[in-house]
Amino acid sequence: MAFHLVETPKAPAAIGPYSQAVQAGPWLFVSGQIPLVPETGQLVGEAFPDQVRQALRNIQTILEAAGYSLRDVAAVDVFLTDLAQFHTFNAIYEEAFAGHKPARAVVQVGALPRGAQIEIKCVAVKT
């Protein structure tokens, strides 16, 4: 099975040796997205809700660049630097996914790149 690398200038450029996403057959593996603004490469700001929304926008932009949508997402992994923010995150996430409920894990981590408070990665599939 051949891999197809997905890159779009509408999402933040990779800040390391990885692709924004890799498509393998019907599967799309989206790399972890922190809340960087694509045009500047900088964090969207310090406010946690803004960071959640930007990370989700980045995920959605990459999905769309590959011909997928949030409704195609099968699994999501979320990394938070403060699990006390879970309820805020969950409310924004639920709004973004609009009733679609992929499998999900949320864990607290010690730190994330660029001082981000959240990182989100996902796997989508076309059925």
C-alpha atoms as a PDB file:
ATOM      1  CA  MET A   1       0.000   0.000   0.000  1.00  0.00           C
ATOM      2  CA  ALA A   2       1.435   3.375  -0.994  1.00  0.00           C
ATOM      3  CA  PHE A   3       1.543   6.309   1.391  1.00  0.00           C
ATOM      4  CA  HIS A   4       0.487   9.765   0.258  1.00  0.00           C
ATOM      5  CA  LEU A   5       1.846  12.727   2.240  1.00  0.00           C
ATOM      6  CA  VAL A   6      -0.669  15.502   2.862  1.00  0.00           C
ATOM      7  CA  GLU A   7       0.604  19.072   3.104  1.00  0.00           C
ATOM      8  CA  THR A   8      -1.392  22.292   2.971  1.00  0.00           C
ATOM      9  CA  PRO A   9      -0.271  25.894   3.486  1.00  0.00           C
ATOM     10  CA  LYS A  10      -3.650  26.518   5.141  1.00  0.00           C
ATOM     11  CA  ALA A  11      -2.429  24.671   8.262  1.00  0.00           C
ATOM     12  CA  PRO A  12       0.762  25.235  10.239  1.00  0.00           C
ATOM     13  CA  ALA A  13       3.884  23.835   8.619  1.00  0.00           C
ATOM     14  CA  ALA A  14       5.456  20.885  10.399  1.00  0.00           C
ATOM     15  CA  ILE A  15       7.996  22.044  13.001  1.00  0.00           C
ATOM     16  CA  GLY A  16       9.964  18.821  12.767  1.00  0.00           C
ATOM     17  CA  PRO A  17      10.693  15.853  10.502  1.00  0.00           C
ATOM     18  CA  TYR A  18       7.095  14.755   9.948  1.00  0.00           C
ATOM     19  CA  SER A  19       4.134  15.375   7.636  1.00  0.00           C
ATOM     20  CA  GLN A  20       0.913  17.159   8.501  1.00  0.00           C
ATOM     21  CA  ALA A  21      -0.840  13.899   7.599  1.00  0.00           C
ATOM     22  CA  VAL A  22      -0.245  10.597   5.849  1.00  0.00           C
ATOM     23  CA  GLN A  23      -2.897   8.789   3.835  1.00  0.00           C
ATOM     24  CA  ALA A  24      -2.666   5.005   3.554  1.00  0.00           C
ATOM     25  CA  GLY A  25      -5.537   3.529   1.591  1.00  0.00           C
ATOM     26  CA  PRO A  26      -8.774   4.815   3.113  1.00  0.00           C
ATOM     27  CA  TRP A  27      -6.988   5.832   6.342  1.00  0.00           C
ATOM     28  CA  LEU A  28      -5.696   9.324   7.138  1.00  0.00           C
ATOM     29  CA  PHE A  29      -3.311   9.791  10.053  1.00  0.00           C
ATOM     30  CA  VAL A  30      -3.178  13.452  11.090  1.00  0.00           C
ATOM     31  CA  SER A  31      -0.115  14.505  13.079  1.00  0.00           C
ATOM     32  CA  GLY A  32      -0.512  16.269  16.400  1.00  0.00           C
ATOM     33  CA  GLN A  33      -1.619  19.857  15.969  1.00  0.00           C
ATOM     34  CA  ILE A  34      -0.863  22.569  18.465  1.00  0.00           C
ATOM     35  CA  PRO A  35      -2.638  25.952  18.287  1.00  0.00           C
ATOM     36  CA  LEU A  36      -0.308  27.643  15.822  1.00  0.00           C
ATOM     37  CA  VAL A  37      -1.757  30.234  13.464  1.00  0.00           C
ATOM     38  CA  PRO A  38      -0.791  29.085   9.931  1.00  0.00           C
ATOM     39  CA  GLU A  39       0.011  32.565   8.639  1.00  0.00           C
ATOM     40  CA  THR A  40       2.402  33.466  11.473  1.00  0.00           C
ATOM     41  CA  GLY A  41       3.616  30.147  12.879  1.00  0.00           C
ATOM     42  CA  GLN A  42       2.958  31.565  16.353  1.00  0.00           C
ATOM     43  CA  LEU A  43       0.595  30.420  19.104  1.00  0.00           C
ATOM     44  CA  VAL A  44      -2.894  31.877  18.775  1.00  0.00           C
ATOM     45  CA  GLY A  45      -2.554  33.361  22.291  1.00  0.00           C
ATOM     46  CA  GLU A  46      -2.552  32.317  25.922  1.00  0.00           C
ATOM     47  CA  ALA A  47      -6.321  31.845  26.419  1.00  0.00           C
ATOM     48  CA  PHE A  48      -7.068  28.129  26.665  1.00  0.00           C
ATOM     49  CA  PRO A  49     -10.384  28.258  24.725  1.00  0.00           C
ATOM     50  CA  ASP A  50      -8.629  30.053  21.845  1.00  0.00           C
ATOM     51  CA  GLN A  51      -5.923  27.385  21.820  1.00  0.00           C
ATOM     52  CA  VAL A  52      -8.496  24.584  21.702  1.00  0.00           C
ATOM     53  CA  ARG A  53     -10.372  26.192  18.815  1.00  0.00           C
ATOM     54  CA  GLN A  54      -7.165  26.825  16.824  1.00  0.00           C
ATOM     55  CA  ALA A  55      -5.893  23.259  17.287  1.00  0.00           C
ATOM     56  CA  LEU A  56      -9.277  21.952  16.118  1.00  0.00           C
ATOM     57  CA  ARG A  57      -9.247  24.354  13.127  1.00  0.00           C
ATOM     58  CA  ASN A  58      -5.809  23.063  12.179  1.00  0.00           C
ATOM     59  CA  ILE A  59      -7.032  19.454  12.336  1.00  0.00           C
ATOM     60  CA  GLN A  60     -10.106  20.306  10.262  1.00  0.00           C
ATOM     61  CA  THR A  61      -8.043  22.168   7.652  1.00  0.00           C
ATOM     62  CA  ILE A  62      -5.711  19.200   7.175  1.00  0.00           C
ATOM     63  CA  LEU A  63      -8.636  16.785   6.966  1.00  0.00           C
ATOM     64  CA  GLU A  64     -10.283  18.952   4.300  1.00  0.00           C
ATOM     65  CA  ALA A  65      -7.035  19.256   2.320  1.00  0.00           C
ATOM     66  CA  ALA A  66      -7.044  15.455   2.047  1.00  0.00           C
ATOM     67  CA  GLY A  67     -10.745  15.258   1.158  1.00  0.00           C
ATOM     68  CA  TYR A  68     -11.948  14.222   4.616  1.00  0.00           C
ATOM     69  CA  SER A  69     -14.097  15.915   7.260  1.00  0.00           C
ATOM     70  CA  LEU A  70     -14.507  15.744  11.019  1.00  0.00           C
ATOM     71  CA  ARG A  71     -17.309  13.227  10.408  1.00  0.00           C
ATOM     72  CA  ASP A  72     -14.707  10.812   8.969  1.00  0.00           C
ATOM     73  CA  VAL A  73     -12.648  10.867  12.175  1.00  0.00           C
ATOM     74  CA  ALA A  74     -12.536   7.476  13.889  1.00  0.00           C
ATOM     75  CA  ALA A  75     -10.178   8.239  16.795  1.00  0.00           C
ATOM     76  CA  VAL A  76      -8.791  11.322  18.534  1.00  0.00           C
ATOM     77  CA  ASP A  77      -5.925  11.659  21.004  1.00  0.00           C
ATOM     78  CA  VAL A  78      -5.736  14.851  23.064  1.00  0.00           C
ATOM     79  CA  PHE A  79      -2.841  16.052  25.185  1.00  0.00           C
ATOM     80  CA  LEU A  80      -3.464  18.769  27.790  1.00  0.00           C
ATOM     81  CA  THR A  81      -0.914  20.415  30.051  1.00  0.00           C
ATOM     82  CA  ASP A  82      -3.621  20.924  32.700  1.00  0.00           C
ATOM     83  CA  LEU A  83      -6.353  18.330  33.090  1.00  0.00           C
ATOM     84  CA  ALA A  84      -8.304  20.870  35.162  1.00  0.00           C
ATOM     85  CA  GLN A  85      -9.157  22.409  31.765  1.00  0.00           C
ATOM     86  CA  PHE A  86     -10.931  19.211  30.674  1.00  0.00           C
ATOM     87  CA  HIS A  87     -14.480  20.564  30.970  1.00  0.00           C
ATOM     88  CA  THR A  88     -13.652  23.668  28.922  1.00  0.00           C
ATOM     89  CA  PHE A  89     -11.948  21.512  26.303  1.00  0.00           C
ATOM     90  CA  ASN A  90     -14.821  19.020  26.223  1.00  0.00           C
ATOM     91  CA  ALA A  91     -17.468  21.710  25.610  1.00  0.00           C
ATOM     92  CA  ILE A  92     -15.544  23.189  22.660  1.00  0.00           C
ATOM     93  CA  TYR A  93     -14.740  19.727  21.271  1.00  0.00           C
ATOM     94  CA  GLU A  94     -18.377  18.647  21.475  1.00  0.00           C
ATOM     95  CA  GLU A  95     -19.446  21.764  19.585  1.00  0.00           C
ATOM     96  CA  ALA A  96     -16.819  21.204  16.862  1.00  0.00           C
ATOM     97  CA  PHE A  97     -17.750  17.552  16.326  1.00  0.00           C
ATOM     98  CA  ALA A  98     -21.491  18.339  16.339  1.00  0.00           C
ATOM     99  CA  GLY A  99     -22.792  15.010  17.596  1.00  0.00           C
ATOM    100  CA  HIS A 100     -20.120  12.842  15.948  1.00  0.00           C
ATOM    101  CA  LYS A 101     -18.424  10.808  18.682  1.00  0.00           C
ATOM    102  CA  PRO A 102     -15.128   9.208  17.600  1.00  0.00           C
ATOM    103  CA  ALA A 103     -13.127   7.088  20.024  1.00  0.00           C
ATOM    104  CA  ARG A 104     -11.007   9.399  22.164  1.00  0.00           C
ATOM    105  CA  ALA A 105      -8.281   9.607  24.780  1.00  0.00           C
ATOM    106  CA  VAL A 106      -7.407  12.707  26.801  1.00  0.00           C
ATOM    107  CA  VAL A 107      -4.234  12.739  28.879  1.00  0.00           C
ATOM    108  CA  GLN A 108      -2.257  15.300  30.824  1.00  0.00           C
ATOM    109  CA  VAL A 109       1.359  15.871  29.824  1.00  0.00           C
ATOM    110  CA  GLY A 110       4.202  17.837  31.403  1.00  0.00           C
ATOM    111  CA  ALA A 111       4.809  20.143  28.445  1.00  0.00           C
ATOM    112  CA  LEU A 112       4.049  20.603  24.744  1.00  0.00           C
ATOM    113  CA  PRO A 113       6.010  22.239  21.916  1.00  0.00           C
ATOM    114  CA  ARG A 114       6.122  26.035  21.845  1.00  0.00           C
ATOM    115  CA  GLY A 115       4.456  26.249  25.259  1.00  0.00           C
ATOM    116  CA  ALA A 116       1.085  25.124  23.889  1.00  0.00           C
ATOM    117  CA  GLN A 117      -1.562  23.990  26.355  1.00  0.00           C
ATOM    118  CA  ILE A 118      -3.123  21.458  23.976  1.00  0.00           C
ATOM    119  CA  GLU A 119      -2.172  19.105  21.142  1.00  0.00           C
ATOM    120  CA  ILE A 120      -4.654  17.039  19.136  1.00  0.00           C
ATOM    121  CA  LYS A 121      -4.052  14.184  16.662  1.00  0.00           C
ATOM    122  CA  CYS A 122      -6.543  11.975  14.915  1.00  0.00           C
ATOM    123  CA  VAL A 123      -7.164   9.097  12.550  1.00  0.00           C
ATOM    124  CA  ALA A 124      -9.865   9.353   9.902  1.00  0.00           C
ATOM    125  CA  VAL A 125     -11.191   6.765   7.466  1.00  0.00           C
ATOM    126  CA  LYS A 126     -13.280   6.868   4.299  1.00  0.00           C
ATOM    127  CA  THR A 127     -15.786   4.027   4.295  1.00  0.00           C
END
